[in-house]
Protein backbone atom coordinates (compact mmCIF):
# COMPACT_ATOMS: atom_id res chain seq x y z
CA MET A 1 -2.79 11.25 23.44
CA PRO A 2 0.14 13.72 23.24
CA ILE A 3 -0.57 17.10 24.82
CA LEU A 4 2.53 19.10 23.86
CA GLU A 5 2.55 20.82 20.48
CA GLY A 6 4.86 19.28 17.88
CA LEU A 7 5.17 16.80 15.04
CA LYS A 8 4.00 13.81 17.10
CA LYS A 9 0.82 15.58 18.21
CA ASP A 10 0.12 16.90 14.70
CA VAL A 11 0.60 13.50 13.07
CA LEU A 12 -1.44 11.54 15.60
CA GLU A 13 -4.34 13.97 15.32
CA GLU A 14 -4.66 12.81 11.71
CA MET A 15 -4.51 9.14 12.69
CA PRO A 16 -7.23 7.33 14.67
CA VAL A 17 -4.62 5.17 16.40
CA PHE A 18 -6.24 5.27 19.84
CA GLU A 19 -9.71 4.50 18.51
CA ARG A 20 -8.32 1.68 16.37
CA GLU A 21 -6.43 0.00 19.20
CA ILE A 22 -9.42 0.20 21.54
CA ALA A 23 -11.62 -1.35 18.83
CA ILE A 24 -9.17 -4.20 18.27
CA TYR A 25 -8.79 -5.02 21.98
CA ALA A 26 -12.44 -4.47 22.93
CA LYS A 27 -14.20 -6.02 19.92
CA VAL A 28 -11.99 -7.93 17.49
CA LEU A 29 -9.66 -9.86 19.79
CA PRO A 30 -12.49 -11.04 22.10
CA GLU A 31 -14.36 -12.33 19.03
CA MET A 32 -11.21 -14.12 17.89
CA LYS A 33 -10.87 -15.71 21.32
CA ARG A 34 -14.51 -16.84 21.21
CA ILE A 35 -13.88 -18.59 17.87
CA MET A 36 -10.67 -20.17 19.14
CA ASP A 37 -12.39 -21.39 22.31
CA SER A 38 -15.13 -22.99 20.19
CA ILE A 39 -12.57 -25.33 18.60
CA GLY A 40 -10.53 -25.93 21.74
CA ASP A 41 -7.63 -23.65 20.78
CA ASP A 42 -6.27 -21.96 23.93
CA GLU A 43 -3.33 -20.14 22.32
CA LYS A 44 -3.06 -16.42 23.19
CA ILE A 45 -2.60 -13.85 20.43
CA ALA A 46 -2.37 -10.74 22.63
CA PRO A 47 -2.54 -9.70 26.30
CA SER A 48 -6.03 -9.74 27.81
CA LEU A 49 -7.92 -6.46 28.07
CA ILE A 50 -8.69 -5.41 31.65
CA TYR A 51 -10.25 -1.98 31.09
CA HIS A 52 -10.74 0.58 28.34
CA SER A 53 -12.21 4.04 27.95
CA SER A 54 -12.73 6.11 24.82
CA ASN A 55 -12.84 9.50 26.53
CA PRO A 56 -10.12 9.91 27.58
CA PRO A 57 -8.54 7.10 25.53
CA VAL A 58 -7.23 4.57 28.04
CA ILE A 59 -6.33 0.90 27.72
CA ILE A 60 -5.27 -1.28 30.67
CA LEU A 61 -3.88 -4.67 29.70
CA GLU A 62 -2.81 -7.81 31.49
CA ASP A 63 0.85 -7.59 32.56
CA ILE A 64 2.26 -10.60 30.75
CA SER A 65 5.76 -9.88 32.07
CA GLN A 66 4.48 -11.42 35.31
CA LYS A 67 4.23 -14.71 33.38
CA GLY A 68 7.81 -14.46 32.15
CA PHE A 69 7.28 -12.73 28.80
CA LYS A 70 10.08 -10.37 27.76
CA MET A 71 11.07 -8.22 24.81
CA TYR A 72 13.41 -10.11 22.48
CA GLY A 73 15.51 -7.08 21.55
CA LYS A 74 17.07 -8.32 18.31
CA LEU A 75 16.13 -9.62 14.87
CA PHE A 76 14.69 -13.14 14.77
CA ASP A 77 16.40 -16.00 12.94
CA PHE A 78 14.57 -18.22 10.48
CA GLU A 79 13.46 -20.84 13.02
CA ASP A 80 11.85 -18.24 15.27
CA VAL A 81 10.37 -16.28 12.36
CA THR A 82 8.43 -19.43 11.44
CA LYS A 83 6.76 -19.21 14.88
CA ILE A 84 5.85 -15.57 14.28
CA VAL A 85 4.50 -16.34 10.82
CA LYS A 86 2.30 -19.20 12.06
CA LYS A 87 0.75 -17.00 14.76
CA MET A 88 0.28 -14.18 12.25
CA ALA A 89 -1.44 -16.62 9.87
CA LYS A 90 -3.84 -17.59 12.67
CA PHE A 91 -4.63 -13.91 13.38
CA HIS A 92 -5.26 -13.33 9.67
CA ALA A 93 -7.39 -16.48 9.28
CA LEU A 94 -9.60 -15.49 12.20
CA SER A 95 -10.13 -12.06 10.65
CA MET A 96 -11.19 -13.66 7.37
CA TYR A 97 -13.67 -15.87 9.21
CA ILE A 98 -15.07 -12.88 11.13
CA ASN A 99 -15.50 -10.95 7.89
CA GLU A 100 -17.27 -13.92 6.31
CA ASN A 101 -19.75 -13.89 9.21
CA LYS A 102 -19.88 -10.11 9.65
CA SER A 103 -23.68 -9.92 9.71
CA GLU A 104 -23.52 -11.33 13.24
CA LYS A 105 -21.12 -8.63 14.53
CA ASP A 106 -21.40 -4.99 15.54
CA PHE A 107 -18.26 -4.11 13.58
CA ASN A 108 -17.10 -4.47 9.99
CA LEU A 109 -13.41 -5.20 9.46
CA PRO A 110 -13.22 -3.71 5.93
CA ASP A 111 -14.17 -0.38 7.56
CA TYR A 112 -10.84 -0.46 9.37
CA ASP A 113 -8.82 1.31 6.71
CA GLU A 114 -5.22 2.47 6.91
CA VAL A 115 -4.44 4.86 9.77
CA TYR A 116 -0.77 5.50 8.91
CA ILE A 117 -0.51 5.97 5.16
CA ASN A 118 -3.58 7.92 4.12
CA GLU A 119 -4.55 11.13 2.34
CA LYS A 120 -4.73 13.13 5.59
CA SER A 121 -1.44 12.03 7.14
CA ILE A 122 0.78 11.61 4.09
CA ASP A 123 2.15 15.17 4.01
CA LYS A 124 3.08 15.09 7.70
CA MET A 125 4.89 11.78 7.14
CA ARG A 126 7.00 13.23 4.35
CA VAL A 127 10.18 13.06 6.45
CA PHE A 128 10.10 9.27 6.10
CA PHE A 129 9.87 9.48 2.31
CA ASP A 130 12.19 12.40 1.59
CA GLY A 131 15.12 10.07 2.14
CA MET A 132 14.39 8.77 -1.36
CA SER A 133 15.61 12.08 -2.79
CA VAL A 134 18.83 11.82 -0.77
CA LEU A 135 19.43 8.12 -1.40
CA LYS A 136 20.35 8.45 -5.08
CA ASP A 137 23.39 10.61 -4.26
CA TYR A 138 24.83 7.87 -2.09
CA VAL A 139 23.90 4.89 -4.27
CA LYS A 140 25.66 6.31 -7.34
CA ASN A 141 28.98 6.12 -5.45
CA TRP A 142 28.58 2.41 -4.70
CA PRO A 143 30.49 0.36 -7.33
CA GLY A 144 28.07 -1.60 -9.50
CA TYR A 145 25.02 0.43 -8.45
CA GLU A 146 25.15 3.18 -11.07
CA GLU A 147 22.10 1.93 -12.99
CA ILE A 148 20.19 1.41 -9.76
CA ALA A 149 20.97 5.00 -8.73
CA GLU A 150 19.40 6.26 -11.97
CA LYS A 151 16.22 4.31 -11.26
CA VAL A 152 16.09 5.48 -7.63
CA ALA A 153 16.40 9.10 -8.82
CA LYS A 154 13.18 8.74 -10.83
CA LEU A 155 11.08 7.30 -7.98
CA PRO A 156 10.25 10.33 -5.74
CA PRO A 157 7.71 12.19 -7.95
CA LYS A 158 5.30 9.22 -8.08
CA PHE A 159 6.28 7.51 -4.86
CA LEU A 160 3.72 8.95 -2.43
CA GLN A 161 0.75 8.31 -4.69
CA LYS A 162 1.96 4.76 -5.27
CA LEU A 163 2.13 4.21 -1.51
CA LEU A 164 -1.41 5.46 -1.05
CA LYS A 165 -2.58 2.99 -3.67
CA ILE A 166 -0.80 -0.10 -2.39
CA TYR A 167 -1.97 0.46 1.19
CA LYS A 168 -5.60 0.14 0.10
CA ALA A 169 -7.44 -3.16 0.41
CA ASN A 170 -7.57 -5.37 -2.67
CA PRO A 171 -10.88 -4.99 -4.57
CA GLU A 172 -13.29 -7.78 -3.65
CA PRO A 173 -12.98 -10.72 -3.95
CA GLY A 174 -9.26 -10.03 -3.57
CA LEU A 175 -7.09 -11.38 -0.78
CA ASN A 176 -7.56 -9.23 2.35
CA VAL A 177 -7.09 -9.77 6.09
CA LEU A 178 -6.88 -7.65 9.22
CA CYS A 179 -3.19 -6.76 9.11
CA HIS A 180 -1.43 -6.09 12.40
CA GLY A 181 0.18 -3.19 10.53
CA ASP A 182 3.41 -2.96 12.54
CA ILE A 183 4.85 -6.45 13.02
CA GLN A 184 8.36 -5.69 14.29
CA ILE A 185 10.55 -6.70 17.20
CA ASN A 186 9.28 -3.98 19.56
CA ASN A 187 5.66 -5.08 19.13
CA MET A 188 5.92 -8.61 20.44
CA MET A 189 7.06 -10.35 23.60
CA VAL A 190 8.43 -13.87 23.95
CA LEU A 191 8.38 -16.59 26.59
CA LYS A 192 11.58 -18.61 26.51
CA ASN A 193 12.40 -22.12 27.66
CA GLY A 194 16.16 -22.00 28.02
CA GLN A 195 17.40 -20.58 24.72
CA ASP A 196 14.28 -21.60 22.79
CA ILE A 197 11.28 -19.36 22.23
CA GLU A 198 8.25 -21.21 23.56
CA GLU A 199 5.54 -18.62 22.90
CA ILE A 200 5.11 -15.24 21.18
CA ILE A 201 2.52 -12.58 22.04
CA PHE A 202 1.66 -9.66 19.73
CA LEU A 203 1.35 -6.11 21.09
CA ASP A 204 0.26 -2.70 19.79
CA PHE A 205 -2.64 -2.98 17.36
CA GLN A 206 -3.09 0.76 16.80
CA LEU A 207 -2.07 0.53 13.14
CA SER A 208 -4.17 -2.55 12.30
CA PHE A 209 -6.12 -2.26 9.06
CA TRP A 210 -7.88 -4.32 6.37
CA ALA A 211 -5.60 -5.03 3.41
CA SER A 212 -3.37 -7.64 1.80
CA PRO A 213 -1.49 -9.96 4.20
CA ALA A 214 1.58 -9.16 2.10
CA ILE A 215 2.04 -5.99 4.18
CA ASP A 216 2.51 -7.91 7.44
CA LEU A 217 4.73 -10.43 5.64
CA LEU A 218 6.94 -7.60 4.38
CA TYR A 219 7.44 -6.39 7.94
CA VAL A 220 8.55 -9.90 8.88
CA LEU A 221 11.04 -9.98 6.01
CA TYR A 222 12.46 -6.48 6.34
CA VAL A 223 12.28 -5.38 9.98
CA THR A 224 11.68 -8.54 12.03
CA GLY A 225 13.89 -11.26 10.54
CA THR A 226 17.59 -11.48 9.82
CA ALA A 227 19.10 -11.33 6.30
CA ASN A 228 18.87 -15.12 6.17
CA VAL A 229 15.08 -14.84 6.54
CA ARG A 230 14.89 -12.62 3.42
CA GLN A 231 17.07 -15.09 1.53
CA ARG A 232 14.52 -17.79 2.39
CA LYS A 233 11.52 -15.64 1.54
CA ASP A 234 9.80 -18.30 -0.55
CA GLU A 235 9.97 -20.74 2.36
CA VAL A 236 8.48 -18.10 4.67
CA LEU A 237 5.57 -17.56 2.27
CA LEU A 238 4.99 -21.32 1.93
CA LEU A 239 4.94 -21.80 5.72
CA TYR A 240 2.56 -18.85 6.12
CA HIS A 241 0.24 -20.11 3.38
CA ARG A 242 0.10 -23.63 4.86
CA ALA A 243 -0.64 -22.26 8.35
CA LEU A 244 -3.33 -19.90 6.98
CA THR A 245 -4.98 -22.62 4.90
CA ASP A 246 -4.91 -25.19 7.71
CA TYR A 247 -6.46 -22.83 10.23
CA LEU A 248 -9.13 -21.57 7.83
CA GLN A 249 -10.19 -25.17 7.29
CA ARG A 250 -10.10 -25.83 11.03
CA ILE A 251 -12.46 -22.95 11.89
CA GLY A 252 -14.82 -23.66 8.99
CA PHE A 253 -14.11 -20.85 6.52
CA HIS A 254 -16.21 -21.34 3.38
CA GLN A 255 -16.02 -18.23 1.19
CA GLU A 256 -14.52 -19.48 -2.09
CA GLY A 257 -11.94 -21.50 -0.17
CA PRO A 258 -8.49 -20.42 1.03
CA PRO A 259 -6.43 -18.05 -1.18
CA SER A 260 -3.84 -19.66 -3.41
CA LEU A 261 -0.11 -19.45 -2.81
CA GLN A 262 0.18 -17.86 -6.24
CA ASP A 263 -2.20 -15.04 -5.20
CA LEU A 264 0.03 -14.37 -2.22
CA HIS A 265 3.17 -14.23 -4.38
CA ILE A 266 1.45 -11.78 -6.76
CA ASP A 267 0.59 -9.46 -3.87
CA MET A 268 4.14 -9.69 -2.55
CA LEU A 269 5.52 -8.74 -5.94
CA LYS A 270 3.24 -5.70 -6.12
CA LEU A 271 4.25 -4.44 -2.67
CA ASP A 272 7.67 -5.92 -2.07
CA GLY A 273 10.11 -3.56 -0.42
CA ASN A 274 8.65 -0.33 -1.78
CA LEU A 275 8.08 1.14 1.65
CA LEU A 276 9.87 -0.90 4.26
CA GLY A 277 13.07 -1.49 2.35
CA LEU A 278 13.55 2.10 1.24
CA CYS A 279 11.73 4.30 3.74
CA PHE A 280 11.00 2.81 7.13
CA LEU A 281 14.01 0.51 7.49
CA PRO A 282 16.32 3.45 8.43
CA MET A 283 14.06 4.17 11.42
CA PHE A 284 15.15 0.87 12.97
CA TYR A 285 18.79 2.03 12.95
CA ILE A 286 18.07 5.40 14.53
CA ASP A 287 19.65 6.58 17.79
CA LYS A 288 16.63 8.37 19.23
CA SER A 289 18.78 10.17 21.78
CA GLN A 290 20.55 11.95 18.93
CA VAL A 291 17.51 13.01 16.90
CA ASP A 292 14.80 15.56 17.64
CA MET A 293 11.86 14.42 15.51
CA ASN A 294 10.01 17.67 16.26
CA ALA A 295 12.64 19.42 14.13
CA PHE A 296 11.02 17.78 11.13
CA ALA A 297 7.66 19.50 11.43
CA GLU A 298 8.75 21.64 8.47
CA PRO A 299 12.08 20.09 7.44
CA THR A 300 14.54 21.87 5.17
CA ALA A 301 16.57 20.11 2.49
CA GLN A 302 19.67 20.53 4.68
CA ALA A 303 17.94 18.94 7.68
CA ILE A 304 16.80 15.97 5.59
CA GLU A 305 20.31 15.49 4.19
CA LYS A 306 21.84 15.59 7.68
CA PHE A 307 19.23 13.21 9.04
CA TYR A 308 19.77 10.54 6.38
CA HIS A 309 23.55 10.93 6.14
CA ALA A 310 23.90 8.90 9.33
CA PHE A 311 22.06 5.98 7.71
CA TYR A 312 23.55 6.04 4.24
CA THR A 313 27.11 6.08 5.60
CA ASN A 314 26.48 3.33 8.17
CA PRO A 315 27.78 -0.03 6.82
CA LYS A 316 25.43 -1.89 9.16
CA PHE A 317 22.49 -0.33 7.35
CA THR A 318 23.91 0.00 3.83
CA ASP A 319 24.84 -3.69 3.66
CA VAL A 320 21.14 -4.50 4.15
CA LEU A 321 20.04 -1.75 1.78
CA LYS A 322 22.36 -2.93 -1.00
CA ASP A 323 20.81 -6.40 -0.93
CA ILE A 324 17.31 -4.93 -0.97
CA LEU A 325 18.01 -2.56 -3.87
CA LYS A 326 19.48 -5.32 -6.01
CA SER A 327 16.53 -7.58 -5.27
CA LEU A 328 14.08 -4.82 -6.24
CA TRP A 329 16.09 -4.08 -9.39
CA TYR A 330 16.19 -7.70 -10.51
CA ARG A 331 12.39 -7.96 -10.21
CA GLY A 332 11.63 -4.69 -12.01
CA ILE A 333 10.15 -3.01 -8.94
CA LEU A 334 12.38 0.07 -9.35
CA ASP A 335 11.10 0.68 -12.89
């Protein structure tokens, strides 16, 4: 828990990230392991918990680097994303099974609501969304993007409320799982055999929450995989759906059967790119040594403009952003 005053301390005081991560490691993941053991599945989803305390909040985990696991450090190609997606589908399937049998547990997964995008924290997170107001001035100067710029200019007034809505769980009996909440390259470690990835372990469950699996899938598409992965989005969804369905059947899930692939596509269309493509993606191109995030506790318009200028003039980032904006435009998501 941060001690020094500043934006990080203020934001995290509004987010139960420490309580959530302790709950996942101490309750949810052990229950998932128990279910996996019961069917002879010895795959690991996360490092083992050695010790935890709620006051003060402390978590001590198994050091999987001693077994050869390392950070990958770059975006994953399509072949390796399929491995991530299959493990994510298993994590989601186990959460659905646990929820189906929740009367036997001392926790209720639907109670794990969003810790990042919520009514209490949204104002303090405004720095991540104010880039929308700046973006239009750059997009209008890109040839062929004039109409897109007009649509982007109309998004900010309703954007925050829309985010609050889409980060809520689907009304029952809608499609919901325990989302990891932050599936990106810094929150997983890999074990390699030569140049091939043999195993992937997920880390950092402090943002996990009960909602549509589309949110985790969007992270895979926008901040975990390469551009080629986004171009093969439909294949990614098919592979995920097959892995989810197969594992649900394997562990004996009964509640109205597995969700349909069409349901998954509908959720993806509702959420696709609204947040990750336009707001959070710049954060993965940031040079943290050059930015003082505490300066954004009460950011001015000039500070926001300066902050985002580095992204919107960086071809490495804008090439990705141009593809995303056109995709959102073609599907009516910018309307």
